[in-house]
């Protein structure tokens, strides 16, 4: 199956969810959140939303909790903005790629010093 439609819908969801979180979400637990990626199944039924949160571990957990509580509202808003037959179920996950890349970079820097 061709994934171009899935990729287009995922990119549109990434843009819309980022806008919803920054503009419409009023939960004080949700801090500075950036949507980094959307992993959408081929049947458009489930979406993993990868987010990056600025702050310490406690703020990250509070932001993730706030996002999970607001997932129904976010899903409704996505349904209003993107015309789909069925709006995907949304699950939020931390994007560990940035932290993993920083760890690798620091290891390489330490090796170069020696």
C-alpha atoms as a PDB file:
ATOM      1  CA  UNK A   1       0.000   0.000   0.000  1.00  0.00           C
ATOM      2  CA  UNK A   2       1.197   3.480  -0.797  1.00  0.00           C
ATOM      3  CA  UNK A   3       2.070   5.499   2.299  1.00  0.00           C
ATOM      4  CA  UNK A   4       1.830   8.952   0.723  1.00  0.00           C
ATOM      5  CA  UNK A   5      -1.657   9.582   2.112  1.00  0.00           C
ATOM      6  CA  UNK A   6      -0.620   8.342   5.545  1.00  0.00           C
ATOM      7  CA  UNK A   7       2.421  10.635   5.482  1.00  0.00           C
ATOM      8  CA  UNK A   8       0.349  13.621   4.380  1.00  0.00           C
ATOM      9  CA  UNK A   9      -2.240  13.047   7.099  1.00  0.00           C
ATOM     10  CA  UNK A  10       0.531  12.560   9.699  1.00  0.00           C
ATOM     11  CA  UNK A  11       2.211  15.840   8.724  1.00  0.00           C
ATOM     12  CA  UNK A  12      -1.109  17.691   8.796  1.00  0.00           C
ATOM     13  CA  UNK A  13      -1.899  16.195  12.223  1.00  0.00           C
ATOM     14  CA  UNK A  14       1.543  17.238  13.482  1.00  0.00           C
ATOM     15  CA  UNK A  15       0.889  20.827  12.435  1.00  0.00           C
ATOM     16  CA  UNK A  16      -2.666  20.952  13.775  1.00  0.00           C
ATOM     17  CA  UNK A  17      -1.887  19.277  17.113  1.00  0.00           C
ATOM     18  CA  UNK A  18       1.024  21.657  17.675  1.00  0.00           C
ATOM     19  CA  UNK A  19      -1.306  24.574  17.038  1.00  0.00           C
ATOM     20  CA  UNK A  20      -4.014  23.147  19.310  1.00  0.00           C
ATOM     21  CA  UNK A  21      -1.561  22.595  22.176  1.00  0.00           C
ATOM     22  CA  UNK A  22      -0.077  26.077  21.884  1.00  0.00           C
ATOM     23  CA  UNK A  23      -3.268  28.045  21.200  1.00  0.00           C
ATOM     24  CA  UNK A  24      -6.324  26.254  22.604  1.00  0.00           C
ATOM     25  CA  UNK A  25      -5.117  24.059  25.471  1.00  0.00           C
ATOM     26  CA  UNK A  26      -5.531  25.847  28.806  1.00  0.00           C
ATOM     27  CA  UNK A  27      -4.194  23.131  31.163  1.00  0.00           C
ATOM     28  CA  UNK A  28      -1.587  24.704  33.503  1.00  0.00           C
ATOM     29  CA  UNK A  29       0.287  21.384  33.753  1.00  0.00           C
ATOM     30  CA  UNK A  30       1.198  21.517  30.075  1.00  0.00           C
ATOM     31  CA  UNK A  31       4.379  23.547  29.738  1.00  0.00           C
ATOM     32  CA  UNK A  32       6.436  24.318  26.646  1.00  0.00           C
ATOM     33  CA  UNK A  33       5.591  21.341  24.419  1.00  0.00           C
ATOM     34  CA  UNK A  34       6.755  20.778  20.852  1.00  0.00           C
ATOM     35  CA  UNK A  35       5.261  18.088  18.628  1.00  0.00           C
ATOM     36  CA  UNK A  36       8.239  16.423  16.953  1.00  0.00           C
ATOM     37  CA  UNK A  37       6.662  13.527  15.063  1.00  0.00           C
ATOM     38  CA  UNK A  38       3.424  11.661  14.403  1.00  0.00           C
ATOM     39  CA  UNK A  39       3.481   7.906  13.829  1.00  0.00           C
ATOM     40  CA  UNK A  40       0.224   6.976  12.113  1.00  0.00           C
ATOM     41  CA  UNK A  41      -0.886   3.460  11.261  1.00  0.00           C
ATOM     42  CA  UNK A  42      -1.720   2.672   7.632  1.00  0.00           C
ATOM     43  CA  UNK A  43      -5.425   2.341   8.406  1.00  0.00           C
ATOM     44  CA  UNK A  44      -5.407   5.795  10.082  1.00  0.00           C
ATOM     45  CA  UNK A  45      -6.909   4.379  13.282  1.00  0.00           C
ATOM     46  CA  UNK A  46      -4.095   4.989  15.801  1.00  0.00           C
ATOM     47  CA  UNK A  47      -1.590   7.821  16.126  1.00  0.00           C
ATOM     48  CA  UNK A  48       1.436   8.090  18.407  1.00  0.00           C
ATOM     49  CA  UNK A  49       2.261  11.729  18.950  1.00  0.00           C
ATOM     50  CA  UNK A  50       5.899  12.255  19.924  1.00  0.00           C
ATOM     51  CA  UNK A  51       6.489  15.391  21.979  1.00  0.00           C
ATOM     52  CA  UNK A  52       9.494  17.185  23.355  1.00  0.00           C
ATOM     53  CA  UNK A  53       9.013  19.047  26.639  1.00  0.00           C
ATOM     54  CA  UNK A  54      11.247  21.774  27.985  1.00  0.00           C
ATOM     55  CA  UNK A  55      11.975  21.378  31.708  1.00  0.00           C
ATOM     56  CA  UNK A  56      13.015  18.855  34.318  1.00  0.00           C
ATOM     57  CA  UNK A  57      11.584  15.343  34.770  1.00  0.00           C
ATOM     58  CA  UNK A  58       8.772  16.522  37.051  1.00  0.00           C
ATOM     59  CA  UNK A  59       7.602  19.129  34.513  1.00  0.00           C
ATOM     60  CA  UNK A  60       7.833  16.562  31.712  1.00  0.00           C
ATOM     61  CA  UNK A  61       5.665  14.084  33.594  1.00  0.00           C
ATOM     62  CA  UNK A  62       3.126  16.795  34.470  1.00  0.00           C
ATOM     63  CA  UNK A  63       2.981  17.905  30.827  1.00  0.00           C
ATOM     64  CA  UNK A  64       2.491  14.325  29.612  1.00  0.00           C
ATOM     65  CA  UNK A  65      -0.270  13.796  32.186  1.00  0.00           C
ATOM     66  CA  UNK A  66      -1.980  17.002  31.070  1.00  0.00           C
ATOM     67  CA  UNK A  67      -1.739  15.981  27.418  1.00  0.00           C
ATOM     68  CA  UNK A  68      -3.174  12.537  28.111  1.00  0.00           C
ATOM     69  CA  UNK A  69      -6.100  14.100  30.019  1.00  0.00           C
ATOM     70  CA  UNK A  70      -6.726  16.492  27.112  1.00  0.00           C
ATOM     71  CA  UNK A  71      -6.415  13.827  24.399  1.00  0.00           C
ATOM     72  CA  UNK A  72     -10.203  13.705  23.886  1.00  0.00           C
ATOM     73  CA  UNK A  73     -10.365  17.475  23.400  1.00  0.00           C
ATOM     74  CA  UNK A  74      -7.350  17.383  21.061  1.00  0.00           C
ATOM     75  CA  UNK A  75      -8.882  14.527  19.078  1.00  0.00           C
ATOM     76  CA  UNK A  76     -12.146  16.476  18.714  1.00  0.00           C
ATOM     77  CA  UNK A  77     -10.290  19.572  17.516  1.00  0.00           C
ATOM     78  CA  UNK A  78      -8.281  17.495  15.007  1.00  0.00           C
ATOM     79  CA  UNK A  79     -11.580  16.058  13.732  1.00  0.00           C
ATOM     80  CA  UNK A  80     -12.907  19.571  13.156  1.00  0.00           C
ATOM     81  CA  UNK A  81      -9.788  20.735  11.333  1.00  0.00           C
ATOM     82  CA  UNK A  82      -8.991  17.673   9.197  1.00  0.00           C
ATOM     83  CA  UNK A  83     -11.743  15.977   7.260  1.00  0.00           C
ATOM     84  CA  UNK A  84     -11.345  12.272   7.951  1.00  0.00           C
ATOM     85  CA  UNK A  85     -13.938   9.531   8.078  1.00  0.00           C
ATOM     86  CA  UNK A  86     -12.661   8.483  11.498  1.00  0.00           C
ATOM     87  CA  UNK A  87     -10.273  10.504  13.660  1.00  0.00           C
ATOM     88  CA  UNK A  88      -7.369   8.377  14.968  1.00  0.00           C
ATOM     89  CA  UNK A  89      -7.000   7.432  18.625  1.00  0.00           C
ATOM     90  CA  UNK A  90      -4.222   9.608  20.064  1.00  0.00           C
ATOM     91  CA  UNK A  91      -1.445   8.487  22.413  1.00  0.00           C
ATOM     92  CA  UNK A  92       1.299  10.855  23.544  1.00  0.00           C
ATOM     93  CA  UNK A  93       4.913   9.670  23.968  1.00  0.00           C
ATOM     94  CA  UNK A  94       8.161  11.410  24.856  1.00  0.00           C
ATOM     95  CA  UNK A  95      10.593  11.894  21.972  1.00  0.00           C
ATOM     96  CA  UNK A  96      13.832  10.444  23.309  1.00  0.00           C
ATOM     97  CA  UNK A  97      15.811  11.035  20.101  1.00  0.00           C
ATOM     98  CA  UNK A  98      17.100  14.479  21.093  1.00  0.00           C
ATOM     99  CA  UNK A  99      18.313  13.304  24.512  1.00  0.00           C
ATOM    100  CA  UNK A 100      19.832  10.185  22.962  1.00  0.00           C
ATOM    101  CA  UNK A 101      21.676  12.314  20.391  1.00  0.00           C
ATOM    102  CA  UNK A 102      23.029  14.604  23.112  1.00  0.00           C
ATOM    103  CA  UNK A 103      24.303  11.595  25.056  1.00  0.00           C
ATOM    104  CA  UNK A 104      26.096  10.197  22.004  1.00  0.00           C
ATOM    105  CA  UNK A 105      27.599  13.605  21.268  1.00  0.00           C
ATOM    106  CA  UNK A 106      28.946  13.932  24.818  1.00  0.00           C
ATOM    107  CA  UNK A 107      30.464  10.428  24.630  1.00  0.00           C
ATOM    108  CA  UNK A 108      32.172  11.293  21.339  1.00  0.00           C
ATOM    109  CA  UNK A 109      33.411  14.581  22.791  1.00  0.00           C
ATOM    110  CA  UNK A 110      34.891  12.718  25.776  1.00  0.00           C
ATOM    111  CA  UNK A 111      36.609  10.238  23.462  1.00  0.00           C
ATOM    112  CA  UNK A 112      38.149  13.059  21.425  1.00  0.00           C
ATOM    113  CA  UNK A 113      39.546  14.657  24.579  1.00  0.00           C
ATOM    114  CA  UNK A 114      41.460  11.481  25.415  1.00  0.00           C
END
